[in-house]
Structures are given as C-alpha cells and as structure tokens.
Amino acid sequence: MSALLNHLHEHFQSGEALASALGVSRTAVWKQVAELRKAGYPVETQKGRGYRLAPGSPTPAALEALRKGSFGAFYAYLGTVDSTQEVLKNWALDGAEEGSVVLAERQLKGRGRRGRAWASEPGRSLTFSVLLRPALPLSALPLLPLAAGLALRDASGVGGLKWPNDLLSPDGRKLAGVLLEAQVSGEEVAWVLLGIGLNVHKGALPEGAAALEEFLEVSRVRVLARLLECLEARYAQLADPEALLRDYRTYSYTLGRRVRVTTTRGVLEGQATEIAPDGALVVQSADTTHHIGAGDVELIGFLGGSQ
C-alpha cells in the first residue's frame, strides 16, 4: 500500500502504468487503491484515465518541493489516526527533532481546546501537529498559541484572530483552531505539541465553520508549506514578544468587542480592551479589570455574535 502511495500524485496514471512501475498486476493495484481509500487517503479514479491523489494532497514529495526553512523536514503523511497529537507525542519521547510534523487525512479522536471534537474529512482540511522544543520559561508558554494564530493569518491572508486560539473568516466563522500540549519540567518547557486544524476546502463543515477556498483559490500542500514557513518565523519572534503582541493586536477580532467569557471560576461579561504582555486577555467589566489567562477559559463568545 505504501509503495503505491509513493507513486501517486495529482496527475492521473493508468492502472497499467502503475502496475508496471510496482512490478505487480493491475488487480493488485486496484486492491491497493481500495486499501488506501479505506485508510483515508484521497485517491480519485476516472474511467479511461486511471488513478491520482486529489490535487493539492500534502504528500512528502509535494511538500518537500515547496518547503522553506526547517519545519517539516521530518514529516509523516498519514491516512487515519486517532490523533496526530498522540503520534507526535511518541515521536517527542523518542527524541524527534524540533519542527517535526505529523499530518493525517482523518482523525478518529481529533480534539480542540477543552477536549472539544475536531472533525477532519479526507482531502478537505489540514490537520497536523508540530513538535517544538522551545528555550522558553513556563511563563512564556501562553504566547505560543498567539504566535500560531498569527502564522495562520499570515499564511491564509484572510480573516482575523479570536483570542486565544482561533482564526475566523471575514464574516466571523471559524476557519482554524490551535491546540497546545506541553511537557513541563519544573519551570522549564521540555517540548510542545502544537496541533493545528484548518478548513481548506468546502465539505461537511459543522455549523459556524468556514473554508479557506470560499475566499481565495487554494491548494492544500501550498497552504501547508506556507503555514510551516510562517509558523517558523512567528516562533522565532517569541524572542521579541512586544512585536509579536503588536502584530496580534492588529489582526485581533476580539479587542474592542463586548465578550462573554466562561472561566473555571464563573462567567463574566465586559469589553475586551487589551492583550497583556503574558498573552492574557484584559476585560473591563463595570469597575473591575479582569486579567484572563487562556488556561482558565472554557468558552468565549462575542455578545451578539458567534462563540
């Protein structure tokens, strides 16, 4: 099955040509195609033309041809997994290098913040995890999701950022989300798993979600290559948090809005006025100023808007 996957790309190839290249029968090719589809890979068939992967599929070869920088140098393109976070966690424990990436076409147990489910449909989205080994104190960790959000905005060129971890479309629907999991030793961060889910093509999207192709012409592998490049640049910008936060404020859809925030301590409403130096959201409620860390938030919504 993996041998056939390595031979497929976005141009059609006949079953005869693939059988010859692999040294197997056409029947064997047909069976491997069925196995690839079952595993979640977006293999397309057209009578008289043969087989191909859906255009823009983020195969290792396609990504390598576009990749800039070190992020994605170690890369796994998988079909169906429980969670890319779990796969990458095992890589991290085995000593994988920073910038290693695991992407899956379909996740059975994909999740966002607070364990919320994140659905992924083969050939439609980019759902992947990136391994980071930051030389950062624990106190700087909340800035990482903000940096990832900025990278999403940089790479897509549309929408704005909903604190703490979402990219919204220009009309306020959810385009992407970020999940951060970290291994901490004392006050130091050993490694970070940065999970990203981005809706690229239209499909069976949940209510309140949007796809990038609604706003511009896109290729999944080109978006991935650009996103990894932007993520590496924004990650480096953590050395200059003031500049990072200045850029984040520029693209924020949260600041200046009235919000309802459900935290571990209760619900509060007020005006979102600032992003603090530690990445927290500052909310003014009546005569009280609230400093809300991302780790305390269960849900945040715009009053009169989406959640």
Protein backbone atom coordinates (compact mmCIF):
# COMPACT_ATOMS: atom_id res chain seq x y z
CA MET A 1 0.00 0.00 0.00
CA SER A 2 2.76 2.47 0.92
CA ALA A 3 4.60 1.62 -2.31
CA LEU A 4 1.60 2.70 -4.37
CA LEU A 5 1.14 5.85 -2.29
CA ASN A 6 4.72 6.86 -3.10
CA HIS A 7 3.95 6.59 -6.82
CA LEU A 8 0.70 8.54 -6.79
CA HIS A 9 0.49 12.27 -7.37
CA GLU A 10 -2.11 14.77 -8.62
CA HIS A 11 -1.92 13.67 -12.26
CA PHE A 12 -3.78 10.60 -13.46
CA GLN A 13 -1.81 7.42 -14.15
CA SER A 14 -3.23 4.31 -15.70
CA GLY A 15 -3.51 1.10 -13.74
CA GLU A 16 -1.24 -0.50 -16.32
CA ALA A 17 1.49 2.11 -15.81
CA LEU A 18 1.30 1.81 -12.03
CA ALA A 19 1.35 -1.98 -12.21
CA SER A 20 4.46 -1.85 -14.37
CA ALA A 21 6.20 0.62 -12.05
CA LEU A 22 5.43 -1.50 -8.99
CA GLY A 23 6.03 -4.87 -10.61
CA VAL A 24 2.55 -6.15 -9.73
CA SER A 25 -0.69 -6.95 -11.54
CA ARG A 26 -3.40 -4.41 -12.33
CA THR A 27 -5.64 -6.32 -9.92
CA ALA A 28 -3.07 -5.79 -7.18
CA VAL A 29 -3.05 -2.05 -7.96
CA TRP A 30 -6.84 -1.95 -7.71
CA LYS A 31 -6.72 -3.69 -4.32
CA GLN A 32 -4.08 -1.28 -3.03
CA VAL A 33 -6.15 1.69 -4.19
CA ALA A 34 -9.10 0.32 -2.20
CA GLU A 35 -6.85 -0.07 0.85
CA LEU A 36 -5.56 3.49 0.53
CA ARG A 37 -9.09 4.86 0.36
CA LYS A 38 -10.11 2.83 3.38
CA ALA A 39 -7.09 4.22 5.23
CA GLY A 40 -8.29 7.76 4.49
CA TYR A 41 -6.12 8.85 1.59
CA PRO A 42 -7.99 10.89 -1.08
CA VAL A 43 -7.41 8.64 -4.10
CA GLU A 44 -9.52 9.56 -7.14
CA THR A 45 -10.44 7.33 -10.08
CA GLN A 46 -11.56 8.34 -13.55
CA LYS A 47 -12.54 5.83 -16.20
CA GLY A 48 -10.06 5.73 -19.03
CA ARG A 49 -7.51 7.86 -17.16
CA GLY A 50 -6.63 5.83 -14.06
CA TYR A 51 -5.80 6.95 -10.55
CA ARG A 52 -4.48 10.03 -8.80
CA LEU A 53 -4.39 11.72 -5.44
CA ALA A 54 -6.71 14.70 -5.06
CA PRO A 55 -4.92 17.80 -6.39
CA GLY A 56 -3.01 19.58 -3.66
CA SER A 57 -2.61 16.49 -1.47
CA PRO A 58 0.21 17.14 1.04
CA THR A 59 2.42 14.18 0.21
CA PRO A 60 6.04 14.22 1.41
CA ALA A 61 7.33 14.76 -2.14
CA ALA A 62 4.91 17.62 -2.83
CA LEU A 63 5.72 19.33 0.47
CA GLU A 64 9.47 18.93 0.03
CA ALA A 65 9.29 20.66 -3.35
CA LEU A 66 7.72 23.73 -1.70
CA ARG A 67 9.09 23.73 1.84
CA LYS A 68 11.29 26.56 3.10
CA GLY A 69 13.06 26.53 6.45
CA SER A 70 13.45 23.59 8.81
CA PHE A 71 9.85 22.97 9.92
CA GLY A 72 8.56 19.91 8.11
CA ALA A 73 12.00 18.47 7.31
CA PHE A 74 10.85 15.41 9.26
CA TYR A 75 7.32 14.78 8.07
CA ALA A 76 4.78 11.96 8.16
CA TYR A 77 1.73 11.95 5.87
CA LEU A 78 -0.77 9.53 7.38
CA GLY A 79 -4.24 8.34 6.43
CA THR A 80 -6.31 7.65 9.54
CA VAL A 81 -5.08 8.02 13.13
CA ASP A 82 -6.71 8.53 16.47
CA SER A 83 -4.88 11.85 16.89
CA THR A 84 -1.81 13.46 15.35
CA GLN A 85 -1.01 14.78 18.82
CA GLU A 86 -0.68 11.23 20.13
CA VAL A 87 1.52 10.14 17.22
CA LEU A 88 3.79 13.16 17.64
CA LYS A 89 3.95 12.68 21.41
CA ASN A 90 5.56 9.30 20.80
CA TRP A 91 7.99 10.95 18.41
CA ALA A 92 8.86 13.53 21.06
CA LEU A 93 9.50 10.85 23.66
CA ASP A 94 11.79 9.11 21.17
CA GLY A 95 13.83 12.30 20.70
CA ALA A 96 12.43 13.65 17.43
CA GLU A 97 13.84 16.97 16.24
CA GLU A 98 12.13 20.31 16.63
CA GLY A 99 9.97 21.14 13.64
CA SER A 100 8.89 17.53 13.06
CA VAL A 101 5.37 17.36 11.62
CA VAL A 102 2.66 14.69 11.61
CA LEU A 103 -0.34 15.23 9.32
CA ALA A 104 -3.35 12.95 8.94
CA GLU A 105 -6.19 12.99 6.43
CA ARG A 106 -8.61 11.72 9.06
CA GLN A 107 -8.55 11.74 12.86
CA LEU A 108 -10.87 9.50 14.82
CA LYS A 109 -10.30 11.29 18.11
CA GLY A 110 -9.17 14.72 16.97
CA ARG A 111 -9.82 17.41 19.53
CA GLY A 112 -9.51 21.09 20.19
CA ARG A 113 -9.26 23.04 23.42
CA ARG A 114 -11.08 21.60 26.44
CA GLY A 115 -11.37 18.25 24.63
CA ARG A 116 -13.86 19.51 22.04
CA ALA A 117 -14.06 17.28 18.96
CA TRP A 118 -12.41 18.46 15.73
CA ALA A 119 -13.70 16.62 12.66
CA SER A 120 -11.48 16.14 9.62
CA GLU A 121 -12.65 14.92 6.22
CA PRO A 122 -10.08 13.37 3.86
CA GLY A 123 -8.96 15.76 1.15
CA ARG A 124 -10.71 18.77 2.70
CA SER A 125 -8.68 20.06 5.64
CA LEU A 126 -5.19 20.27 7.07
CA THR A 127 -4.99 18.60 10.48
CA PHE A 128 -1.46 18.27 11.77
CA SER A 129 0.84 18.64 14.76
CA VAL A 130 4.25 20.30 15.04
CA LEU A 131 6.90 19.45 17.63
CA LEU A 132 8.62 22.38 19.33
CA ARG A 133 11.44 22.32 21.83
CA PRO A 134 11.42 25.96 22.93
CA ALA A 135 14.08 27.51 25.12
CA LEU A 136 11.33 29.33 26.99
CA PRO A 137 10.34 29.73 30.62
CA LEU A 138 6.94 28.35 31.57
CA SER A 139 5.59 31.89 31.88
CA ALA A 140 6.12 32.48 28.14
CA LEU A 141 4.15 29.41 27.05
CA PRO A 142 0.80 31.28 26.61
CA LEU A 143 2.38 33.31 23.80
CA LEU A 144 2.83 30.21 21.62
CA PRO A 145 -0.84 29.84 20.60
CA LEU A 146 -0.89 33.54 19.75
CA ALA A 147 2.18 33.06 17.53
CA ALA A 148 0.49 30.09 15.86
CA GLY A 149 -2.65 32.16 15.28
CA LEU A 150 -0.59 34.87 13.63
CA ALA A 151 1.08 32.27 11.42
CA LEU A 152 -2.35 31.07 10.32
CA ARG A 153 -3.34 34.64 9.49
CA ASP A 154 -0.05 35.25 7.66
CA ALA A 155 -0.38 32.08 5.59
CA SER A 156 -4.05 32.46 4.69
CA GLY A 157 -4.14 36.21 4.23
CA VAL A 158 -7.78 36.41 5.28
CA GLY A 159 -9.82 36.90 8.43
CA GLY A 160 -8.79 37.77 11.94
CA LEU A 161 -7.90 36.25 15.30
CA LYS A 162 -10.27 35.32 18.07
CA TRP A 163 -8.39 35.11 21.34
CA PRO A 164 -6.91 32.78 22.35
CA ASN A 165 -6.64 30.22 19.57
CA ASP A 166 -8.95 30.64 16.56
CA LEU A 167 -8.70 32.10 13.08
CA LEU A 168 -12.05 33.48 11.95
CA SER A 169 -13.22 34.24 8.42
CA PRO A 170 -14.04 37.84 7.49
CA ASP A 171 -17.70 37.12 8.33
CA GLY A 172 -16.84 35.63 11.72
CA ARG A 173 -16.99 31.88 11.06
CA LYS A 174 -14.27 29.55 12.27
CA LEU A 175 -11.53 28.75 9.77
CA ALA A 176 -8.90 27.23 12.06
CA GLY A 177 -8.03 26.37 15.61
CA VAL A 178 -4.89 25.69 17.64
CA LEU A 179 -4.30 23.18 20.42
CA LEU A 180 -1.20 23.31 22.62
CA GLU A 181 0.04 20.49 24.84
CA ALA A 182 3.32 20.75 26.72
CA GLN A 183 5.69 18.61 28.73
CA VAL A 184 6.96 20.73 31.59
CA SER A 185 9.86 20.07 33.94
CA GLY A 186 9.89 22.47 36.87
CA GLU A 187 9.75 25.95 35.38
CA GLU A 188 11.15 24.85 32.01
CA VAL A 189 9.32 23.61 28.91
CA ALA A 190 10.75 20.31 27.66
CA TRP A 191 8.65 20.12 24.49
CA VAL A 192 5.41 21.37 23.00
CA LEU A 193 2.92 19.69 20.67
CA LEU A 194 1.21 22.36 18.59
CA GLY A 195 -1.91 20.95 16.95
CA ILE A 196 -3.49 22.88 14.08
CA GLY A 197 -6.72 22.27 12.23
CA LEU A 198 -7.51 24.40 9.15
CA ASN A 199 -10.57 24.04 6.92
CA VAL A 200 -9.29 24.41 3.36
CA HIS A 201 -11.98 23.03 1.05
CA LYS A 202 -15.73 23.10 1.44
CA GLY A 203 -17.34 19.88 2.58
CA ALA A 204 -19.40 18.68 5.52
CA LEU A 205 -18.39 21.59 7.74
CA PRO A 206 -20.00 21.99 11.15
CA GLU A 207 -22.32 24.91 11.77
CA GLY A 208 -20.42 28.16 12.20
CA ALA A 209 -17.36 26.96 10.27
CA ALA A 210 -15.86 28.29 7.04
CA ALA A 211 -13.40 27.01 4.45
CA LEU A 212 -10.46 28.92 3.06
CA GLU A 213 -11.47 28.27 -0.56
CA GLU A 214 -14.55 30.42 -0.02
CA PHE A 215 -12.24 33.43 -0.05
CA LEU A 216 -9.34 32.52 -2.35
CA GLU A 217 -8.03 29.83 -4.67
CA VAL A 218 -6.07 27.33 -2.60
CA SER A 219 -4.00 24.16 -2.74
CA ARG A 220 -3.66 22.23 0.50
CA VAL A 221 0.03 21.46 0.09
CA ARG A 222 0.85 25.06 -0.82
CA VAL A 223 -1.07 26.31 2.20
CA LEU A 224 0.78 23.80 4.40
CA ALA A 225 4.19 24.82 3.08
CA ARG A 226 3.39 28.49 3.56
CA LEU A 227 1.95 27.86 7.03
CA LEU A 228 5.05 25.99 8.21
CA GLU A 229 7.23 28.81 6.88
CA CYS A 230 5.13 31.44 8.69
CA LEU A 231 5.00 29.36 11.87
CA GLU A 232 8.77 29.09 11.97
CA ALA A 233 9.08 32.86 11.53
CA ARG A 234 6.50 33.66 14.22
CA TYR A 235 8.09 31.09 16.55
CA ALA A 236 11.40 32.95 16.20
CA GLN A 237 9.55 36.18 17.02
CA LEU A 238 8.91 34.92 20.55
CA ALA A 239 12.32 36.43 21.25
CA ASP A 240 10.63 39.81 20.66
CA PRO A 241 7.24 39.43 22.39
CA GLU A 242 6.38 43.13 22.11
CA ALA A 243 6.49 42.93 18.30
CA LEU A 244 4.53 39.67 18.36
CA LEU A 245 1.79 41.17 20.51
CA ARG A 246 1.68 44.33 18.42
CA ASP A 247 1.01 42.25 15.32
CA TYR A 248 -1.54 40.13 17.18
CA ARG A 249 -3.47 43.23 18.24
CA THR A 250 -3.53 44.39 14.61
CA TYR A 251 -5.34 41.24 13.48
CA SER A 252 -7.48 40.72 16.58
CA TYR A 253 -11.22 40.30 16.10
CA THR A 254 -11.64 40.23 19.90
CA LEU A 255 -10.24 43.56 21.05
CA GLY A 256 -12.81 46.32 21.17
CA ARG A 257 -15.71 43.83 21.34
CA ARG A 258 -18.03 43.07 24.20
CA VAL A 259 -17.45 39.47 25.23
CA ARG A 260 -18.89 36.80 27.47
CA VAL A 261 -16.17 34.63 28.97
CA THR A 262 -16.87 31.37 30.76
CA THR A 263 -13.93 30.57 33.02
CA THR A 264 -13.16 27.93 35.59
CA ARG A 265 -14.32 30.46 38.21
CA GLY A 266 -17.56 31.57 36.56
CA VAL A 267 -18.96 33.77 33.79
CA LEU A 268 -18.14 37.41 33.20
CA GLU A 269 -19.11 39.98 30.59
CA GLY A 270 -17.30 43.12 29.57
CA GLN A 271 -15.23 44.93 26.99
CA ALA A 272 -12.09 43.22 25.67
CA THR A 273 -9.55 46.02 25.87
CA GLU A 274 -6.05 44.59 25.59
CA ILE A 275 -3.74 41.61 25.21
CA ALA A 276 -1.40 41.66 28.21
CA PRO A 277 2.37 41.05 27.91
CA ASP A 278 1.86 37.48 29.16
CA GLY A 279 -0.74 36.78 26.45
CA ALA A 280 -3.76 37.10 28.74
CA LEU A 281 -6.94 38.91 27.70
CA VAL A 282 -7.82 42.05 29.61
CA VAL A 283 -11.57 42.56 30.03
CA GLN A 284 -13.14 45.65 31.58
CA SER A 285 -16.37 44.84 33.42
CA ALA A 286 -18.14 47.72 35.17
CA ASP A 287 -15.49 48.99 37.62
CA THR A 288 -13.36 45.83 37.52
CA THR A 289 -10.46 44.96 35.24
CA HIS A 290 -10.09 41.22 34.66
CA HIS A 291 -6.84 39.55 33.57
CA ILE A 292 -7.86 36.23 31.98
CA GLY A 293 -5.34 33.54 31.10
CA ALA A 294 -6.10 31.17 28.23
CA GLY A 295 -5.81 28.20 30.56
CA ASP A 296 -8.74 29.50 32.62
CA VAL A 297 -11.11 29.89 29.67
CA GLU A 298 -13.75 27.29 28.86
CA LEU A 299 -15.66 29.36 26.30
CA ILE A 300 -15.52 32.87 24.93
CA GLY A 301 -18.17 34.48 22.74
CA PHE A 302 -18.90 37.88 21.29
CA LEU A 303 -22.06 39.40 22.70
CA GLY A 304 -24.46 39.40 19.80
CA GLY A 305 -22.01 37.24 17.79
CA SER A 306 -20.58 33.73 17.42
CA GLN A 307 -18.93 31.58 20.08
